[in-house]
Amino acid sequence: MTQLPPLEHINALTSQGVVFLGTLKNLLDQEYQALQQRNLEQLQALVEQKTEALQQLEENNQTRNQLFISAGITPDKAGLQAFKAELNETDAIAFSTLWNELEKVLLQVNDKNKRNELIITRNSRNLEQLLSILRGQNQKNTLYDQSGEKGNYSAQNSLGKA
């Protein structure tokens, strides 16, 4: 039987992970508002804050995974189930409760990130269409040139008609 990592340490790291994910979730909500308002200064500040929160979350995950690996437990679903099975009932409930909270907040963060990504993609597409109109380019006249970049062939079309 392998030496189990200290449950208090695992639970503390898991709680800390929930806090980091909660921070990230709040930042994504703020980002959503800034995207709606097109507040570039706030978006830039939020990107920096999100980067910091993600770094903290990554360090937390690495530390927790290293604890499991050093005890011979794989940091995946099967490994965590095996770890939980070796705990007494009270400890298993405490571990499961925290781990379920971590997974729940992670799913919420993922959903909010997808929502913001859709807004950014839509805004980018709209901006590209507006710039195209301002340049006098008709989307139907845009092809790819030899280097694989978008090119405008409307001038060639006019010359061909002459």
N, C-alpha and C. Protein backbone atom coordinates (compact mmCIF):
# COMPACT_ATOMS: atom_id res chain seq x y z
N MET A 1 0.84 -1.18 0.00
CA MET A 1 0.00 0.00 0.00
C MET A 1 0.89 1.24 0.00
N THR A 2 0.55 2.20 -0.88
CA THR A 2 1.34 3.42 -0.98
C THR A 2 0.97 4.38 0.14
N GLN A 3 1.89 5.26 0.42
CA GLN A 3 1.66 6.29 1.44
C GLN A 3 0.77 7.37 0.84
N LEU A 4 -0.40 7.56 1.42
CA LEU A 4 -1.33 8.57 0.92
C LEU A 4 -0.81 9.96 1.23
N PRO A 5 -1.03 10.89 0.31
CA PRO A 5 -0.64 12.27 0.62
C PRO A 5 -1.55 12.80 1.73
N PRO A 6 -1.05 13.73 2.53
CA PRO A 6 -1.86 14.26 3.63
C PRO A 6 -3.15 14.90 3.10
N LEU A 7 -4.27 14.41 3.59
CA LEU A 7 -5.57 14.88 3.13
C LEU A 7 -5.74 16.38 3.39
N GLU A 8 -5.23 16.85 4.52
CA GLU A 8 -5.37 18.27 4.83
C GLU A 8 -4.70 19.12 3.75
N HIS A 9 -3.54 18.66 3.29
CA HIS A 9 -2.80 19.40 2.25
C HIS A 9 -3.57 19.36 0.92
N ILE A 10 -4.08 18.18 0.57
CA ILE A 10 -4.86 18.04 -0.67
C ILE A 10 -6.10 18.92 -0.60
N ASN A 11 -6.83 18.86 0.51
CA ASN A 11 -8.04 19.65 0.65
C ASN A 11 -7.75 21.15 0.64
N ALA A 12 -6.63 21.54 1.25
CA ALA A 12 -6.26 22.96 1.25
C ALA A 12 -5.95 23.44 -0.16
N LEU A 13 -5.22 22.62 -0.92
CA LEU A 13 -4.90 22.97 -2.30
C LEU A 13 -6.17 23.00 -3.16
N THR A 14 -7.08 22.07 -2.91
CA THR A 14 -8.33 22.04 -3.67
C THR A 14 -9.17 23.27 -3.34
N SER A 15 -9.25 23.65 -2.07
CA SER A 15 -9.98 24.87 -1.67
C SER A 15 -9.36 26.09 -2.32
N GLN A 16 -8.05 26.13 -2.33
CA GLN A 16 -7.34 27.24 -2.95
C GLN A 16 -7.65 27.27 -4.46
N GLY A 17 -7.71 26.11 -5.09
CA GLY A 17 -8.06 26.03 -6.51
C GLY A 17 -9.45 26.57 -6.77
N VAL A 18 -10.39 26.26 -5.86
CA VAL A 18 -11.76 26.79 -5.99
C VAL A 18 -11.74 28.32 -5.91
N VAL A 19 -10.93 28.87 -5.02
CA VAL A 19 -10.82 30.32 -4.88
C VAL A 19 -10.24 30.93 -6.16
N PHE A 20 -9.18 30.33 -6.70
CA PHE A 20 -8.57 30.84 -7.94
C PHE A 20 -9.57 30.79 -9.09
N LEU A 21 -10.32 29.69 -9.19
CA LEU A 21 -11.33 29.58 -10.24
C LEU A 21 -12.46 30.59 -10.03
N GLY A 22 -12.82 30.83 -8.78
CA GLY A 22 -13.85 31.84 -8.48
C GLY A 22 -13.39 33.22 -8.92
N THR A 23 -12.13 33.52 -8.68
CA THR A 23 -11.56 34.80 -9.13
C THR A 23 -11.62 34.88 -10.65
N LEU A 24 -11.24 33.81 -11.30
CA LEU A 24 -11.26 33.77 -12.76
C LEU A 24 -12.69 33.94 -13.29
N LYS A 25 -13.64 33.31 -12.63
CA LYS A 25 -15.05 33.41 -13.01
C LYS A 25 -15.51 34.87 -12.91
N ASN A 26 -15.15 35.55 -11.82
CA ASN A 26 -15.52 36.97 -11.66
C ASN A 26 -14.86 37.84 -12.72
N LEU A 27 -13.60 37.55 -13.03
CA LEU A 27 -12.90 38.32 -14.06
C LEU A 27 -13.55 38.12 -15.43
N LEU A 28 -14.02 36.90 -15.70
CA LEU A 28 -14.71 36.64 -16.97
C LEU A 28 -16.03 37.39 -17.05
N ASP A 29 -16.72 37.53 -15.91
CA ASP A 29 -17.96 38.32 -15.89
C ASP A 29 -17.65 39.80 -16.15
N GLN A 30 -16.56 40.28 -15.54
CA GLN A 30 -16.15 41.67 -15.77
C GLN A 30 -15.73 41.87 -17.23
N GLU A 31 -15.06 40.87 -17.78
CA GLU A 31 -14.64 40.93 -19.18
C GLU A 31 -15.87 40.99 -20.09
N TYR A 32 -16.89 40.22 -19.76
CA TYR A 32 -18.13 40.23 -20.52
C TYR A 32 -18.73 41.64 -20.55
N GLN A 33 -18.78 42.27 -19.38
CA GLN A 33 -19.31 43.64 -19.31
C GLN A 33 -18.45 44.60 -20.13
N ALA A 34 -17.14 44.47 -20.03
CA ALA A 34 -16.23 45.35 -20.78
C ALA A 34 -16.37 45.12 -22.28
N LEU A 35 -16.59 43.87 -22.68
CA LEU A 35 -16.82 43.58 -24.10
C LEU A 35 -18.12 44.22 -24.58
N GLN A 36 -19.14 44.16 -23.76
CA GLN A 36 -20.43 44.76 -24.12
C GLN A 36 -20.28 46.28 -24.27
N GLN A 37 -19.46 46.87 -23.40
CA GLN A 37 -19.26 48.33 -23.40
C GLN A 37 -18.13 48.76 -24.32
N ARG A 38 -17.40 47.77 -24.86
CA ARG A 38 -16.22 48.03 -25.72
C ARG A 38 -15.21 48.93 -25.01
N ASN A 39 -14.96 48.60 -23.75
CA ASN A 39 -14.04 49.36 -22.91
C ASN A 39 -12.65 48.71 -23.02
N LEU A 40 -11.83 49.21 -23.93
CA LEU A 40 -10.53 48.61 -24.21
C LEU A 40 -9.56 48.69 -23.03
N GLU A 41 -9.59 49.82 -22.32
CA GLU A 41 -8.68 49.96 -21.17
C GLU A 41 -8.99 48.91 -20.11
N GLN A 42 -10.28 48.73 -19.83
CA GLN A 42 -10.67 47.73 -18.84
C GLN A 42 -10.32 46.33 -19.33
N LEU A 43 -10.53 46.07 -20.63
CA LEU A 43 -10.19 44.76 -21.19
C LEU A 43 -8.71 44.45 -21.03
N GLN A 44 -7.86 45.43 -21.29
CA GLN A 44 -6.42 45.22 -21.14
C GLN A 44 -6.06 44.90 -19.69
N ALA A 45 -6.65 45.62 -18.76
CA ALA A 45 -6.38 45.37 -17.33
C ALA A 45 -6.88 43.97 -16.95
N LEU A 46 -8.04 43.60 -17.47
CA LEU A 46 -8.61 42.28 -17.15
C LEU A 46 -7.75 41.15 -17.72
N VAL A 47 -7.18 41.35 -18.89
CA VAL A 47 -6.32 40.32 -19.48
C VAL A 47 -5.12 40.07 -18.57
N GLU A 48 -4.55 41.14 -18.03
CA GLU A 48 -3.42 41.00 -17.10
C GLU A 48 -3.85 40.25 -15.83
N GLN A 49 -5.01 40.61 -15.30
CA GLN A 49 -5.50 39.95 -14.09
C GLN A 49 -5.83 38.48 -14.35
N LYS A 50 -6.42 38.21 -15.52
CA LYS A 50 -6.73 36.81 -15.87
C LYS A 50 -5.45 36.00 -16.01
N THR A 51 -4.43 36.59 -16.61
CA THR A 51 -3.15 35.89 -16.78
C THR A 51 -2.57 35.53 -15.41
N GLU A 52 -2.63 36.46 -14.49
CA GLU A 52 -2.11 36.21 -13.13
C GLU A 52 -2.91 35.11 -12.44
N ALA A 53 -4.24 35.17 -12.56
CA ALA A 53 -5.10 34.15 -11.94
C ALA A 53 -4.84 32.78 -12.56
N LEU A 54 -4.63 32.74 -13.87
CA LEU A 54 -4.34 31.45 -14.54
C LEU A 54 -2.99 30.89 -14.10
N GLN A 55 -2.01 31.76 -13.90
CA GLN A 55 -0.70 31.30 -13.43
C GLN A 55 -0.83 30.71 -12.02
N GLN A 56 -1.58 31.38 -11.17
CA GLN A 56 -1.79 30.87 -9.81
C GLN A 56 -2.51 29.52 -9.84
N LEU A 57 -3.51 29.42 -10.69
CA LEU A 57 -4.25 28.17 -10.83
C LEU A 57 -3.35 27.05 -11.34
N GLU A 58 -2.50 27.36 -12.31
CA GLU A 58 -1.58 26.37 -12.86
C GLU A 58 -0.60 25.87 -11.79
N GLU A 59 -0.05 26.80 -11.01
CA GLU A 59 0.86 26.40 -9.92
C GLU A 59 0.14 25.53 -8.91
N ASN A 60 -1.10 25.89 -8.59
CA ASN A 60 -1.90 25.11 -7.65
C ASN A 60 -2.13 23.70 -8.19
N ASN A 61 -2.51 23.59 -9.45
CA ASN A 61 -2.73 22.27 -10.06
C ASN A 61 -1.47 21.44 -10.09
N GLN A 62 -0.36 22.06 -10.43
CA GLN A 62 0.91 21.33 -10.48
C GLN A 62 1.30 20.82 -9.10
N THR A 63 1.14 21.64 -8.09
CA THR A 63 1.47 21.23 -6.72
C THR A 63 0.59 20.06 -6.28
N ARG A 64 -0.71 20.18 -6.55
CA ARG A 64 -1.64 19.11 -6.17
C ARG A 64 -1.33 17.82 -6.94
N ASN A 65 -1.10 17.95 -8.24
CA ASN A 65 -0.77 16.77 -9.04
C ASN A 65 0.53 16.12 -8.58
N GLN A 66 1.51 16.94 -8.21
CA GLN A 66 2.79 16.40 -7.74
C GLN A 66 2.61 15.63 -6.44
N LEU A 67 1.72 16.10 -5.58
CA LEU A 67 1.43 15.37 -4.35
C LEU A 67 0.86 13.98 -4.66
N PHE A 68 -0.06 13.93 -5.58
CA PHE A 68 -0.64 12.64 -5.97
C PHE A 68 0.40 11.74 -6.61
N ILE A 69 1.17 12.28 -7.56
CA ILE A 69 2.17 11.49 -8.28
C ILE A 69 3.22 10.93 -7.31
N SER A 70 3.66 11.76 -6.36
CA SER A 70 4.68 11.29 -5.40
C SER A 70 4.15 10.16 -4.52
N ALA A 71 2.82 10.07 -4.40
CA ALA A 71 2.22 8.98 -3.61
C ALA A 71 1.85 7.80 -4.51
N GLY A 72 2.19 7.90 -5.80
CA GLY A 72 1.89 6.81 -6.72
C GLY A 72 0.45 6.80 -7.22
N ILE A 73 -0.22 7.93 -7.11
CA ILE A 73 -1.61 8.05 -7.54
C ILE A 73 -1.64 8.91 -8.81
N THR A 74 -2.29 8.41 -9.84
CA THR A 74 -2.39 9.20 -11.06
C THR A 74 -3.39 10.32 -10.86
N PRO A 75 -3.05 11.53 -11.29
CA PRO A 75 -3.97 12.67 -11.09
C PRO A 75 -5.06 12.72 -12.17
N ASP A 76 -5.78 11.61 -12.31
CA ASP A 76 -6.91 11.56 -13.23
C ASP A 76 -8.12 11.02 -12.48
N LYS A 77 -9.21 10.87 -13.17
CA LYS A 77 -10.47 10.44 -12.53
C LYS A 77 -10.30 9.09 -11.81
N ALA A 78 -9.66 8.13 -12.48
CA ALA A 78 -9.48 6.80 -11.88
C ALA A 78 -8.58 6.87 -10.64
N GLY A 79 -7.51 7.65 -10.74
CA GLY A 79 -6.60 7.79 -9.61
C GLY A 79 -7.27 8.45 -8.42
N LEU A 80 -8.08 9.47 -8.70
CA LEU A 80 -8.78 10.16 -7.62
C LEU A 80 -9.83 9.26 -6.97
N GLN A 81 -10.48 8.42 -7.78
CA GLN A 81 -11.44 7.46 -7.22
C GLN A 81 -10.73 6.46 -6.32
N ALA A 82 -9.55 6.01 -6.76
CA ALA A 82 -8.77 5.07 -5.95
C ALA A 82 -8.33 5.73 -4.64
N PHE A 83 -7.91 6.99 -4.73
CA PHE A 83 -7.50 7.72 -3.53
C PHE A 83 -8.67 7.84 -2.56
N LYS A 84 -9.82 8.22 -3.08
CA LYS A 84 -11.02 8.39 -2.25
C LYS A 84 -11.43 7.06 -1.61
N ALA A 85 -11.25 5.95 -2.33
CA ALA A 85 -11.63 4.64 -1.81
C ALA A 85 -10.78 4.23 -0.61
N GLU A 86 -9.56 4.77 -0.53
CA GLU A 86 -8.67 4.42 0.58
C GLU A 86 -8.91 5.28 1.81
N LEU A 87 -9.76 6.29 1.69
CA LEU A 87 -10.04 7.18 2.82
C LEU A 87 -11.19 6.63 3.66
N ASN A 88 -11.21 7.03 4.94
CA ASN A 88 -12.38 6.67 5.75
C ASN A 88 -13.58 7.49 5.26
N GLU A 89 -14.76 7.14 5.69
CA GLU A 89 -15.98 7.74 5.15
C GLU A 89 -16.03 9.25 5.33
N THR A 90 -15.67 9.74 6.51
CA THR A 90 -15.71 11.18 6.79
C THR A 90 -14.74 11.94 5.88
N ASP A 91 -13.50 11.42 5.77
CA ASP A 91 -12.50 12.07 4.92
C ASP A 91 -12.91 11.99 3.44
N ALA A 92 -13.49 10.87 3.04
CA ALA A 92 -13.92 10.70 1.65
C ALA A 92 -15.01 11.71 1.30
N ILE A 93 -15.93 11.95 2.22
CA ILE A 93 -17.00 12.93 1.99
C ILE A 93 -16.42 14.34 1.88
N ALA A 94 -15.47 14.67 2.77
CA ALA A 94 -14.84 16.00 2.73
C ALA A 94 -14.09 16.19 1.42
N PHE A 95 -13.34 15.17 1.02
CA PHE A 95 -12.57 15.23 -0.23
C PHE A 95 -13.53 15.39 -1.42
N SER A 96 -14.58 14.57 -1.47
CA SER A 96 -15.53 14.60 -2.59
C SER A 96 -16.24 15.94 -2.68
N THR A 97 -16.63 16.48 -1.54
CA THR A 97 -17.35 17.76 -1.53
C THR A 97 -16.49 18.86 -2.14
N LEU A 98 -15.23 18.93 -1.70
CA LEU A 98 -14.33 19.95 -2.24
C LEU A 98 -14.05 19.71 -3.73
N TRP A 99 -13.82 18.46 -4.08
CA TRP A 99 -13.48 18.14 -5.47
C TRP A 99 -14.67 18.44 -6.39
N ASN A 100 -15.89 18.13 -5.94
CA ASN A 100 -17.08 18.43 -6.73
C ASN A 100 -17.26 19.93 -6.92
N GLU A 101 -16.95 20.69 -5.88
CA GLU A 101 -17.03 22.15 -5.97
C GLU A 101 -16.02 22.67 -7.00
N LEU A 102 -14.81 22.11 -6.97
CA LEU A 102 -13.77 22.49 -7.93
C LEU A 102 -14.25 22.21 -9.35
N GLU A 103 -14.81 21.04 -9.58
CA GLU A 103 -15.29 20.68 -10.92
C GLU A 103 -16.44 21.58 -11.35
N LYS A 104 -17.34 21.90 -10.43
CA LYS A 104 -18.49 22.75 -10.73
C LYS A 104 -18.05 24.14 -11.16
N VAL A 105 -17.13 24.73 -10.40
CA VAL A 105 -16.65 26.08 -10.72
C VAL A 105 -15.85 26.05 -12.03
N LEU A 106 -15.10 24.99 -12.25
CA LEU A 106 -14.35 24.86 -13.50
C LEU A 106 -15.28 24.84 -14.71
N LEU A 107 -16.39 24.13 -14.61
CA LEU A 107 -17.38 24.11 -15.71
C LEU A 107 -17.99 25.49 -15.92
N GLN A 108 -18.26 26.21 -14.84
CA GLN A 108 -18.80 27.56 -14.95
C GLN A 108 -17.80 28.49 -15.65
N VAL A 109 -16.53 28.38 -15.27
CA VAL A 109 -15.48 29.19 -15.88
C VAL A 109 -15.39 28.86 -17.37
N ASN A 110 -15.45 27.59 -17.69
CA ASN A 110 -15.38 27.16 -19.09
C ASN A 110 -16.54 27.75 -19.90
N ASP A 111 -17.75 27.71 -19.34
CA ASP A 111 -18.92 28.26 -20.03
C ASP A 111 -18.78 29.77 -20.24
N LYS A 112 -18.33 30.48 -19.23
CA LYS A 112 -18.17 31.93 -19.33
C LYS A 112 -17.06 32.29 -20.33
N ASN A 113 -16.02 31.49 -20.37
CA ASN A 113 -14.94 31.72 -21.32
C ASN A 113 -15.44 31.52 -22.75
N LYS A 114 -16.24 30.48 -22.98
CA LYS A 114 -16.81 30.24 -24.31
C LYS A 114 -17.73 31.39 -24.72
N ARG A 115 -18.53 31.88 -23.78
CA ARG A 115 -19.43 33.01 -24.06
C ARG A 115 -18.62 34.22 -24.52
N ASN A 116 -17.56 34.54 -23.78
CA ASN A 116 -16.74 35.70 -24.12
C ASN A 116 -16.02 35.49 -25.45
N GLU A 117 -15.58 34.27 -25.69
CA GLU A 117 -14.89 33.96 -26.95
C GLU A 117 -15.83 34.18 -28.13
N LEU A 118 -17.10 33.80 -27.99
CA LEU A 118 -18.07 34.02 -29.07
C LEU A 118 -18.26 35.50 -29.35
N ILE A 119 -18.31 36.30 -28.30
CA ILE A 119 -18.47 37.75 -28.48
C ILE A 119 -17.26 38.32 -29.19
N ILE A 120 -16.07 37.91 -28.78
CA ILE A 120 -14.84 38.41 -29.41
C ILE A 120 -14.79 38.00 -30.88
N THR A 121 -15.16 36.76 -31.17
CA THR A 121 -15.15 36.28 -32.55
C THR A 121 -16.16 37.06 -33.39
N ARG A 122 -17.34 37.27 -32.86
CA ARG A 122 -18.38 38.01 -33.58
C ARG A 122 -17.93 39.45 -33.82
N ASN A 123 -17.39 40.10 -32.79
CA ASN A 123 -16.92 41.47 -32.95
C ASN A 123 -15.79 41.56 -33.96
N SER A 124 -14.90 40.59 -33.95
CA SER A 124 -13.78 40.57 -34.89
C SER A 124 -14.30 40.44 -36.33
N ARG A 125 -15.26 39.55 -36.51
CA ARG A 125 -15.84 39.35 -37.84
C ARG A 125 -16.54 40.62 -38.32
N ASN A 126 -17.29 41.27 -37.42
CA ASN A 126 -17.97 42.51 -37.77
C ASN A 126 -16.97 43.60 -38.13
N LEU A 127 -15.90 43.71 -37.37
CA LEU A 127 -14.87 44.70 -37.64
C LEU A 127 -14.22 44.46 -38.99
N GLU A 128 -13.94 43.19 -39.29
CA GLU A 128 -13.33 42.85 -40.58
C GLU A 128 -14.25 43.24 -41.73
N GLN A 129 -15.55 43.01 -41.58
CA GLN A 129 -16.50 43.38 -42.62
C GLN A 129 -16.57 44.89 -42.78
N LEU A 130 -16.57 45.64 -41.66
CA LEU A 130 -16.61 47.10 -41.74
C LEU A 130 -15.35 47.65 -42.41
N LEU A 131 -14.20 47.12 -42.05
CA LEU A 131 -12.96 47.56 -42.67
C LEU A 131 -12.96 47.26 -44.16
N SER A 132 -13.50 46.14 -44.53
CA SER A 132 -13.59 45.76 -45.93
C SER A 132 -14.46 46.75 -46.69
N ILE A 133 -15.57 47.14 -46.09
CA ILE A 133 -16.45 48.12 -46.73
C ILE A 133 -15.74 49.46 -46.86
N LEU A 134 -15.04 49.89 -45.80
CA LEU A 134 -14.32 51.16 -45.83
C LEU A 134 -13.22 51.17 -46.89
N ARG A 135 -12.61 50.03 -47.11
CA ARG A 135 -11.55 49.92 -48.13
C ARG A 135 -12.12 49.82 -49.53
N GLY A 136 -13.43 49.67 -49.62
CA GLY A 136 -14.06 49.53 -50.92
C GLY A 136 -13.95 48.13 -51.48
N GLN A 137 -13.68 47.19 -50.62
CA GLN A 137 -13.56 45.80 -51.07
C GLN A 137 -14.90 45.12 -50.91
N ASN A 138 -15.32 44.49 -51.96
CA ASN A 138 -16.52 43.67 -51.91
C ASN A 138 -16.08 42.28 -51.47
N GLN A 139 -16.77 41.69 -50.51
CA GLN A 139 -16.38 40.37 -50.04
C GLN A 139 -16.33 39.35 -51.17
N LYS A 140 -17.16 39.55 -52.20
CA LYS A 140 -17.16 38.62 -53.32
C LYS A 140 -15.89 38.73 -54.15
N ASN A 141 -15.19 39.86 -54.00
CA ASN A 141 -13.96 40.09 -54.77
C ASN A 141 -12.71 39.66 -54.03
N THR A 142 -12.86 39.04 -52.89
CA THR A 142 -11.70 38.66 -52.09
C THR A 142 -11.36 37.20 -52.34
N LEU A 143 -10.14 36.97 -52.77
CA LEU A 143 -9.62 35.62 -52.95
C LEU A 143 -8.32 35.51 -52.17
N TYR A 144 -7.77 34.35 -52.19
CA TYR A 144 -6.47 34.16 -51.55
C TYR A 144 -5.38 34.31 -52.59
N ASP A 145 -4.31 35.03 -52.23
CA ASP A 145 -3.20 35.18 -53.16
C ASP A 145 -2.24 34.00 -53.03
N GLN A 146 -1.11 34.07 -53.73
CA GLN A 146 -0.19 32.93 -53.76
C GLN A 146 0.42 32.61 -52.40
N SER A 147 0.54 33.61 -51.55
CA SER A 147 1.11 33.36 -50.22
C SER A 147 0.06 32.89 -49.22
N GLY A 148 -1.18 32.69 -49.68
CA GLY A 148 -2.22 32.18 -48.80
C GLY A 148 -2.95 33.28 -48.04
N GLU A 149 -2.62 34.54 -48.33
CA GLU A 149 -3.28 35.65 -47.67
C GLU A 149 -4.45 36.12 -48.53
N LYS A 150 -5.37 36.84 -47.90
CA LYS A 150 -6.49 37.35 -48.67
C LYS A 150 -6.00 38.42 -49.64
N GLY A 151 -6.52 38.38 -50.84
CA GLY A 151 -6.17 39.37 -51.83
C GLY A 151 -7.42 39.93 -52.47
N ASN A 152 -7.31 41.08 -53.12
CA ASN A 152 -8.45 41.70 -53.78
C ASN A 152 -8.24 41.59 -55.27
N TYR A 153 -9.11 40.92 -55.95
CA TYR A 153 -8.94 40.73 -57.39
C TYR A 153 -9.88 41.57 -58.20
N SER A 154 -10.58 42.53 -57.58
CA SER A 154 -11.55 43.35 -58.31
C SER A 154 -10.87 44.17 -59.40
N ALA A 155 -9.64 44.64 -59.16
CA ALA A 155 -8.93 45.41 -60.19
C ALA A 155 -8.62 44.51 -61.38
N GLN A 156 -8.25 43.29 -61.13
CA GLN A 156 -7.96 42.35 -62.22
C GLN A 156 -9.21 42.11 -63.03
N ASN A 157 -10.34 42.03 -62.37
CA ASN A 157 -11.61 41.80 -63.04
C ASN A 157 -11.92 42.96 -63.98
N SER A 158 -11.67 44.19 -63.52
CA SER A 158 -11.93 45.37 -64.35
C SER A 158 -11.03 45.37 -65.57
N LEU A 159 -9.76 45.04 -65.39
CA LEU A 159 -8.82 45.00 -66.50
C LEU A 159 -9.23 43.92 -67.50
N GLY A 160 -9.72 42.83 -66.99
CA GLY A 160 -10.13 41.73 -67.85
C GLY A 160 -11.30 42.13 -68.73
N LYS A 161 -12.18 42.98 -68.23
CA LYS A 161 -13.32 43.42 -69.00
C LYS A 161 -12.92 44.42 -70.08
N ALA A 162 -11.87 45.18 -69.83
CA ALA A 162 -11.42 46.20 -70.78
C ALA A 162 -10.79 45.50 -71.94
